[in-house]
Amino acid sequence: MNIDNTSAINLAKNPVAHGKSKYIEMRFHYLREQLNNGKLCLKHCRSGEQLADIFTKSVQIEVFKRLRNMMGLESLSTMN
């Protein structure tokens, strides 16, 4: 799983109960269990390379086109 948030990666690998993280409910620890069982691998991904950003953030047109191309998609106007 590619993640652009190093704090989230550190929290998943080392569940320290401090600050905001101590309020995370047990049902949200599924990913940590999968990580500990070796079924999930977390990898830091620079924000500019995070494909999910195209769906979750308002991005500049250049970033949109680059992320779209990284997913193997084309503009409908070029498909004629």
PDB file of N, CA and C in Angstrom:
ATOM      1  N   MET A   1       0.851  -1.153   0.000  1.00  0.00           N
ATOM      2  CA  MET A   1       0.000   0.000   0.000  1.00  0.00           C
ATOM      3  C   MET A   1       0.903   1.225   0.000  1.00  0.00           C
ATOM      4  N   ASN A   2       0.715   2.107  -0.939  1.00  0.00           N
ATOM      5  CA  ASN A   2       1.483   3.344  -1.019  1.00  0.00           C
ATOM      6  C   ASN A   2       0.801   4.431  -0.199  1.00  0.00           C
ATOM      7  N   ILE A   3       1.569   5.059   0.683  1.00  0.00           N
ATOM      8  CA  ILE A   3       1.040   6.091   1.574  1.00  0.00           C
ATOM      9  C   ILE A   3       1.963   7.295   1.524  1.00  0.00           C
ATOM     10  N   ASP A   4       1.394   8.502   1.409  1.00  0.00           N
ATOM     11  CA  ASP A   4       2.220   9.704   1.398  1.00  0.00           C
ATOM     12  C   ASP A   4       2.310  10.372   2.771  1.00  0.00           C
ATOM     13  N   ASN A   5       1.892   9.683   3.814  1.00  0.00           N
ATOM     14  CA  ASN A   5       1.897  10.228   5.165  1.00  0.00           C
ATOM     15  C   ASN A   5       2.806   9.366   6.042  1.00  0.00           C
ATOM     16  N   THR A   6       4.013   9.873   6.320  1.00  0.00           N
ATOM     17  CA  THR A   6       4.967   9.087   7.103  1.00  0.00           C
ATOM     18  C   THR A   6       4.487   8.868   8.530  1.00  0.00           C
ATOM     19  N   SER A   7       3.718   9.790   9.084  1.00  0.00           N
ATOM     20  CA  SER A   7       3.183   9.604  10.437  1.00  0.00           C
ATOM     21  C   SER A   7       2.229   8.416  10.490  1.00  0.00           C
ATOM     22  N   ALA A   8       1.421   8.253   9.457  1.00  0.00           N
ATOM     23  CA  ALA A   8       0.502   7.112   9.404  1.00  0.00           C
ATOM     24  C   ALA A   8       1.273   5.800   9.306  1.00  0.00           C
ATOM     25  N   ILE A   9       2.360   5.792   8.538  1.00  0.00           N
ATOM     26  CA  ILE A   9       3.186   4.588   8.429  1.00  0.00           C
ATOM     27  C   ILE A   9       3.808   4.260   9.778  1.00  0.00           C
ATOM     28  N   ASN A  10       4.369   5.272  10.443  1.00  0.00           N
ATOM     29  CA  ASN A  10       4.993   5.052  11.752  1.00  0.00           C
ATOM     30  C   ASN A  10       3.982   4.571  12.782  1.00  0.00           C
ATOM     31  N   LEU A  11       2.783   5.128  12.763  1.00  0.00           N
ATOM     32  CA  LEU A  11       1.748   4.715  13.704  1.00  0.00           C
ATOM     33  C   LEU A  11       1.316   3.272  13.449  1.00  0.00           C
ATOM     34  N   ALA A  12       1.245   2.890  12.184  1.00  0.00           N
ATOM     35  CA  ALA A  12       0.860   1.515  11.852  1.00  0.00           C
ATOM     36  C   ALA A  12       1.924   0.519  12.309  1.00  0.00           C
ATOM     37  N   LYS A  13       3.182   0.912  12.198  1.00  0.00           N
ATOM     38  CA  LYS A  13       4.272   0.010  12.575  1.00  0.00           C
ATOM     39  C   LYS A  13       4.541   0.008  14.071  1.00  0.00           C
ATOM     40  N   ASN A  14       4.289   1.132  14.740  1.00  0.00           N
ATOM     41  CA  ASN A  14       4.568   1.248  16.170  1.00  0.00           C
ATOM     42  C   ASN A  14       3.380   1.914  16.850  1.00  0.00           C
ATOM     43  N   PRO A  15       2.413   1.138  17.311  1.00  0.00           N
ATOM     44  CA  PRO A  15       1.183   1.695  17.891  1.00  0.00           C
ATOM     45  C   PRO A  15       1.406   2.330  19.263  1.00  0.00           C
ATOM     46  N   VAL A  16       1.909   3.548  19.257  1.00  0.00           N
ATOM     47  CA  VAL A  16       2.136   4.278  20.500  1.00  0.00           C
ATOM     48  C   VAL A  16       0.864   5.044  20.837  1.00  0.00           C
ATOM     49  N   ALA A  17       0.359   4.869  22.047  1.00  0.00           N
ATOM     50  CA  ALA A  17      -0.866   5.564  22.463  1.00  0.00           C
ATOM     51  C   ALA A  17      -0.500   6.948  22.976  1.00  0.00           C
ATOM     52  N   HIS A  18      -0.566   7.926  22.089  1.00  0.00           N
ATOM     53  CA  HIS A  18      -0.297   9.295  22.488  1.00  0.00           C
ATOM     54  C   HIS A  18      -1.131  10.242  21.640  1.00  0.00           C
ATOM     55  N   GLY A  19      -1.380  11.407  22.173  1.00  0.00           N
ATOM     56  CA  GLY A  19      -2.089  12.437  21.424  1.00  0.00           C
ATOM     57  C   GLY A  19      -3.355  11.948  20.766  1.00  0.00           C
ATOM     58  N   LYS A  20      -3.495  12.267  19.504  1.00  0.00           N
ATOM     59  CA  LYS A  20      -4.698  11.929  18.745  1.00  0.00           C
ATOM     60  C   LYS A  20      -4.840  10.431  18.502  1.00  0.00           C
ATOM     61  N   SER A  21      -3.716   9.721  18.414  1.00  0.00           N
ATOM     62  CA  SER A  21      -3.781   8.301  18.060  1.00  0.00           C
ATOM     63  C   SER A  21      -4.417   7.440  19.139  1.00  0.00           C
ATOM     64  N   LYS A  22      -4.436   7.897  20.384  1.00  0.00           N
ATOM     65  CA  LYS A  22      -4.999   7.050  21.443  1.00  0.00           C
ATOM     66  C   LYS A  22      -6.514   6.912  21.332  1.00  0.00           C
ATOM     67  N   TYR A  23      -7.151   7.726  20.503  1.00  0.00           N
ATOM     68  CA  TYR A  23      -8.602   7.671  20.357  1.00  0.00           C
ATOM     69  C   TYR A  23      -9.052   6.815  19.176  1.00  0.00           C
ATOM     70  N   ILE A  24      -8.113   6.225  18.470  1.00  0.00           N
ATOM     71  CA  ILE A  24      -8.476   5.358  17.349  1.00  0.00           C
ATOM     72  C   ILE A  24      -9.108   4.091  17.908  1.00  0.00           C
ATOM     73  N   GLU A  25     -10.298   3.765  17.435  1.00  0.00           N
ATOM     74  CA  GLU A  25     -11.014   2.594  17.938  1.00  0.00           C
ATOM     75  C   GLU A  25     -10.373   1.302  17.439  1.00  0.00           C
ATOM     76  N   MET A  26     -10.584   0.249  18.185  1.00  0.00           N
ATOM     77  CA  MET A  26      -9.992  -1.045  17.853  1.00  0.00           C
ATOM     78  C   MET A  26     -10.405  -1.548  16.471  1.00  0.00           C
ATOM     79  N   ARG A  27     -11.587  -1.200  16.018  1.00  0.00           N
ATOM     80  CA  ARG A  27     -12.026  -1.708  14.714  1.00  0.00           C
ATOM     81  C   ARG A  27     -11.191  -1.141  13.574  1.00  0.00           C
ATOM     82  N   PHE A  28     -10.452  -0.068  13.836  1.00  0.00           N
ATOM     83  CA  PHE A  28      -9.612   0.526  12.801  1.00  0.00           C
ATOM     84  C   PHE A  28      -8.203  -0.057  12.792  1.00  0.00           C
ATOM     85  N   HIS A  29      -7.950  -1.029  13.641  1.00  0.00           N
ATOM     86  CA  HIS A  29      -6.620  -1.622  13.710  1.00  0.00           C
ATOM     87  C   HIS A  29      -6.474  -2.822  12.782  1.00  0.00           C
ATOM     88  N   TYR A  30      -7.425  -3.038  11.906  1.00  0.00           N
ATOM     89  CA  TYR A  30      -7.367  -4.157  10.961  1.00  0.00           C
ATOM     90  C   TYR A  30      -6.101  -4.088  10.104  1.00  0.00           C
ATOM     91  N   LEU A  31      -5.795  -2.897   9.598  1.00  0.00           N
ATOM     92  CA  LEU A  31      -4.616  -2.760   8.747  1.00  0.00           C
ATOM     93  C   LEU A  31      -3.342  -3.084   9.513  1.00  0.00           C
ATOM     94  N   ARG A  32      -3.278  -2.683  10.784  1.00  0.00           N
ATOM     95  CA  ARG A  32      -2.102  -2.993  11.592  1.00  0.00           C
ATOM     96  C   ARG A  32      -1.971  -4.505  11.766  1.00  0.00           C
ATOM     97  N   GLU A  33      -3.079  -5.187  11.971  1.00  0.00           N
ATOM     98  CA  GLU A  33      -3.038  -6.645  12.094  1.00  0.00           C
ATOM     99  C   GLU A  33      -2.522  -7.278  10.808  1.00  0.00           C
ATOM    100  N   GLN A  34      -2.983  -6.782   9.672  1.00  0.00           N
ATOM    101  CA  GLN A  34      -2.537  -7.316   8.390  1.00  0.00           C
ATOM    102  C   GLN A  34      -1.049  -7.049   8.185  1.00  0.00           C
ATOM    103  N   LEU A  35      -0.588  -5.900   8.626  1.00  0.00           N
ATOM    104  CA  LEU A  35       0.831  -5.559   8.550  1.00  0.00           C
ATOM    105  C   LEU A  35       1.651  -6.520   9.408  1.00  0.00           C
ATOM    106  N   ASN A  36       1.198  -6.764  10.623  1.00  0.00           N
ATOM    107  CA  ASN A  36       1.907  -7.672  11.534  1.00  0.00           C
ATOM    108  C   ASN A  36       1.896  -9.112  11.037  1.00  0.00           C
ATOM    109  N   ASN A  37       0.849  -9.503  10.317  1.00  0.00           N
ATOM    110  CA  ASN A  37       0.749 -10.861   9.776  1.00  0.00           C
ATOM    111  C   ASN A  37       1.509 -11.024   8.461  1.00  0.00           C
ATOM    112  N   GLY A  38       2.101  -9.949   7.968  1.00  0.00           N
ATOM    113  CA  GLY A  38       2.852 -10.011   6.722  1.00  0.00           C
ATOM    114  C   GLY A  38       1.988 -10.006   5.479  1.00  0.00           C
ATOM    115  N   LYS A  39       0.705  -9.707   5.623  1.00  0.00           N
ATOM    116  CA  LYS A  39      -0.205  -9.682   4.477  1.00  0.00           C
ATOM    117  C   LYS A  39      -0.281  -8.303   3.826  1.00  0.00           C
ATOM    118  N   LEU A  40       0.337  -7.307   4.462  1.00  0.00           N
ATOM    119  CA  LEU A  40       0.295  -5.936   3.965  1.00  0.00           C
ATOM    120  C   LEU A  40       1.671  -5.322   4.125  1.00  0.00           C
ATOM    121  N   CYS A  41       2.094  -4.572   3.133  1.00  0.00           N
ATOM    122  CA  CYS A  41       3.368  -3.864   3.181  1.00  0.00           C
ATOM    123  C   CYS A  41       3.083  -2.385   2.930  1.00  0.00           C
ATOM    124  N   LEU A  42       3.601  -1.523   3.791  1.00  0.00           N
ATOM    125  CA  LEU A  42       3.409  -0.087   3.631  1.00  0.00           C
ATOM    126  C   LEU A  42       4.660   0.520   3.018  1.00  0.00           C
ATOM    127  N   LYS A  43       4.475   1.358   2.026  1.00  0.00           N
ATOM    128  CA  LYS A  43       5.589   1.990   1.336  1.00  0.00           C
ATOM    129  C   LYS A  43       5.308   3.484   1.240  1.00  0.00           C
ATOM    130  N   HIS A  44       6.313   4.299   1.612  1.00  0.00           N
ATOM    131  CA  HIS A  44       6.129   5.741   1.494  1.00  0.00           C
ATOM    132  C   HIS A  44       6.135   6.124   0.025  1.00  0.00           C
ATOM    133  N   CYS A  45       5.214   6.967  -0.324  1.00  0.00           N
ATOM    134  CA  CYS A  45       5.051   7.435  -1.694  1.00  0.00           C
ATOM    135  C   CYS A  45       4.954   8.955  -1.640  1.00  0.00           C
ATOM    136  N   ARG A  46       5.827   9.648  -2.359  1.00  0.00           N
ATOM    137  CA  ARG A  46       5.758  11.106  -2.370  1.00  0.00           C
ATOM    138  C   ARG A  46       4.370  11.545  -2.807  1.00  0.00           C
ATOM    139  N   SER A  47       3.915  12.637  -2.257  1.00  0.00           N
ATOM    140  CA  SER A  47       2.565  13.115  -2.547  1.00  0.00           C
ATOM    141  C   SER A  47       2.342  13.315  -4.043  1.00  0.00           C
ATOM    142  N   GLY A  48       3.341  13.755  -4.753  1.00  0.00           N
ATOM    143  CA  GLY A  48       3.214  13.977  -6.190  1.00  0.00           C
ATOM    144  C   GLY A  48       3.047  12.710  -6.995  1.00  0.00           C
ATOM    145  N   GLU A  49       3.337  11.567  -6.397  1.00  0.00           N
ATOM    146  CA  GLU A  49       3.209  10.280  -7.077  1.00  0.00           C
ATOM    147  C   GLU A  49       2.028   9.465  -6.558  1.00  0.00           C
ATOM    148  N   GLN A  50       1.259  10.024  -5.667  1.00  0.00           N
ATOM    149  CA  GLN A  50       0.144   9.315  -5.043  1.00  0.00           C
ATOM    150  C   GLN A  50      -1.067   9.336  -5.985  1.00  0.00           C
ATOM    151  N   LEU A  51      -1.348   8.205  -6.605  1.00  0.00           N
ATOM    152  CA  LEU A  51      -2.443   8.131  -7.573  1.00  0.00           C
ATOM    153  C   LEU A  51      -3.794   8.473  -6.963  1.00  0.00           C
ATOM    154  N   ALA A  52      -3.983   8.180  -5.697  1.00  0.00           N
ATOM    155  CA  ALA A  52      -5.277   8.451  -5.059  1.00  0.00           C
ATOM    156  C   ALA A  52      -5.598   9.937  -5.017  1.00  0.00           C
ATOM    157  N   ASP A  53      -4.573  10.791  -5.110  1.00  0.00           N
ATOM    158  CA  ASP A  53      -4.809  12.235  -5.054  1.00  0.00           C
ATOM    159  C   ASP A  53      -5.758  12.709  -6.153  1.00  0.00           C
ATOM    160  N   ILE A  54      -5.757  12.033  -7.281  1.00  0.00           N
ATOM    161  CA  ILE A  54      -6.630  12.433  -8.385  1.00  0.00           C
ATOM    162  C   ILE A  54      -8.105  12.296  -7.998  1.00  0.00           C
ATOM    163  N   PHE A  55      -8.391  11.425  -7.029  1.00  0.00           N
ATOM    164  CA  PHE A  55      -9.763  11.206  -6.581  1.00  0.00           C
ATOM    165  C   PHE A  55     -10.107  11.955  -5.300  1.00  0.00           C
ATOM    166  N   THR A  56      -9.100  12.384  -4.550  1.00  0.00           N
ATOM    167  CA  THR A  56      -9.355  12.950  -3.223  1.00  0.00           C
ATOM    168  C   THR A  56      -8.995  14.413  -3.074  1.00  0.00           C
ATOM    169  N   LYS A  57      -8.286  14.982  -4.052  1.00  0.00           N
ATOM    170  CA  LYS A  57      -7.837  16.368  -3.925  1.00  0.00           C
ATOM    171  C   LYS A  57      -8.111  17.140  -5.204  1.00  0.00           C
ATOM    172  N   SER A  58      -8.191  18.431  -5.043  1.00  0.00           N
ATOM    173  CA  SER A  58      -8.265  19.308  -6.201  1.00  0.00           C
ATOM    174  C   SER A  58      -6.830  19.535  -6.669  1.00  0.00           C
ATOM    175  N   VAL A  59      -6.503  19.055  -7.861  1.00  0.00           N
ATOM    176  CA  VAL A  59      -5.126  19.147  -8.346  1.00  0.00           C
ATOM    177  C   VAL A  59      -5.058  20.018  -9.594  1.00  0.00           C
ATOM    178  N   GLN A  60      -3.885  20.580  -9.831  1.00  0.00           N
ATOM    179  CA  GLN A  60      -3.654  21.373 -11.039  1.00  0.00           C
ATOM    180  C   GLN A  60      -3.817  20.475 -12.267  1.00  0.00           C
ATOM    181  N   ILE A  61      -4.122  21.069 -13.412  1.00  0.00           N
ATOM    182  CA  ILE A  61      -4.370  20.298 -14.634  1.00  0.00           C
ATOM    183  C   ILE A  61      -3.154  19.466 -15.030  1.00  0.00           C
ATOM    184  N   GLU A  62      -1.944  20.008 -14.829  1.00  0.00           N
ATOM    185  CA  GLU A  62      -0.733  19.262 -15.175  1.00  0.00           C
ATOM    186  C   GLU A  62      -0.604  18.009 -14.305  1.00  0.00           C
ATOM    187  N   VAL A  63      -0.899  18.161 -13.018  1.00  0.00           N
ATOM    188  CA  VAL A  63      -0.845  17.024 -12.092  1.00  0.00           C
ATOM    189  C   VAL A  63      -1.921  16.012 -12.465  1.00  0.00           C
ATOM    190  N   PHE A  64      -3.114  16.500 -12.793  1.00  0.00           N
ATOM    191  CA  PHE A  64      -4.208  15.620 -13.198  1.00  0.00           C
ATOM    192  C   PHE A  64      -3.805  14.780 -14.407  1.00  0.00           C
ATOM    193  N   LYS A  65      -3.228  15.423 -15.415  1.00  0.00           N
ATOM    194  CA  LYS A  65      -2.833  14.704 -16.627  1.00  0.00           C
ATOM    195  C   LYS A  65      -1.746  13.673 -16.332  1.00  0.00           C
ATOM    196  N   ARG A  66      -0.775  14.035 -15.490  1.00  0.00           N
ATOM    197  CA  ARG A  66       0.301  13.109 -15.155  1.00  0.00           C
ATOM    198  C   ARG A  66      -0.236  11.897 -14.397  1.00  0.00           C
ATOM    199  N   LEU A  67      -1.095  12.145 -13.399  1.00  0.00           N
ATOM    200  CA  LEU A  67      -1.670  11.035 -12.633  1.00  0.00           C
ATOM    201  C   LEU A  67      -2.572  10.173 -13.512  1.00  0.00           C
ATOM    202  N   ARG A  68      -3.324  10.813 -14.387  1.00  0.00           N
ATOM    203  CA  ARG A  68      -4.187  10.071 -15.315  1.00  0.00           C
ATOM    204  C   ARG A  68      -3.349   9.160 -16.201  1.00  0.00           C
ATOM    205  N   ASN A  69      -2.235   9.689 -16.705  1.00  0.00           N
ATOM    206  CA  ASN A  69      -1.349   8.881 -17.548  1.00  0.00           C
ATOM    207  C   ASN A  69      -0.717   7.739 -16.762  1.00  0.00           C
ATOM    208  N   MET A  70      -0.376   7.982 -15.482  1.00  0.00           N
ATOM    209  CA  MET A  70       0.209   6.934 -14.638  1.00  0.00           C
ATOM    210  C   MET A  70      -0.764   5.776 -14.457  1.00  0.00           C
ATOM    211  N   MET A  71      -2.071   6.074 -14.526  1.00  0.00           N
ATOM    212  CA  MET A  71      -3.084   5.027 -14.389  1.00  0.00           C
ATOM    213  C   MET A  71      -3.391   4.355 -15.718  1.00  0.00           C
ATOM    214  N   GLY A  72      -2.780   4.842 -16.798  1.00  0.00           N
ATOM    215  CA  GLY A  72      -3.011   4.242 -18.104  1.00  0.00           C
ATOM    216  C   GLY A  72      -4.294   4.706 -18.764  1.00  0.00           C
ATOM    217  N   LEU A  73      -4.804   5.863 -18.353  1.00  0.00           N
ATOM    218  CA  LEU A  73      -6.041   6.399 -18.918  1.00  0.00           C
ATOM    219  C   LEU A  73      -5.732   7.473 -19.942  1.00  0.00           C
ATOM    220  N   GLU A  74      -6.671   7.710 -20.846  1.00  0.00           N
ATOM    221  CA  GLU A  74      -6.521   8.737 -21.870  1.00  0.00           C
ATOM    222  C   GLU A  74      -7.712   9.671 -21.834  1.00  0.00           C
ATOM    223  N   SER A  75      -7.503  10.853 -22.368  1.00  0.00           N
ATOM    224  CA  SER A  75      -8.592  11.803 -22.506  1.00  0.00           C
ATOM    225  C   SER A  75      -9.562  11.280 -23.557  1.00  0.00           C
ATOM    226  N   LEU A  76     -10.852  11.453 -23.327  1.00  0.00           N
ATOM    227  CA  LEU A  76     -11.847  11.009 -24.311  1.00  0.00           C
ATOM    228  C   LEU A  76     -11.669  11.727 -25.642  1.00  0.00           C
ATOM    229  N   SER A  77     -11.183  12.962 -25.614  1.00  0.00           N
ATOM    230  CA  SER A  77     -11.022  13.726 -26.851  1.00  0.00           C
ATOM    231  C   SER A  77      -9.917  13.151 -27.736  1.00  0.00           C
ATOM    232  N   THR A  78      -8.998  12.373 -27.196  1.00  0.00           N
ATOM    233  CA  THR A  78      -7.929  11.776 -28.007  1.00  0.00           C
ATOM    234  C   THR A  78      -8.285  10.382 -28.503  1.00  0.00           C
ATOM    235  N   MET A  79      -9.457   9.889 -28.152  1.00  0.00           N
ATOM    236  CA  MET A  79      -9.831   8.524 -28.515  1.00  0.00           C
ATOM    237  C   MET A  79     -10.642   8.457 -29.800  1.00  0.00           C
ATOM    238  N   ASN A  80     -10.886   9.564 -30.457  1.00  0.00           N
ATOM    239  CA  ASN A  80     -11.690   9.563 -31.692  1.00  0.00           C
ATOM    240  C   ASN A  80     -10.938   9.069 -32.866  1.00  0.00           C
TER     241      ASN A  80
END
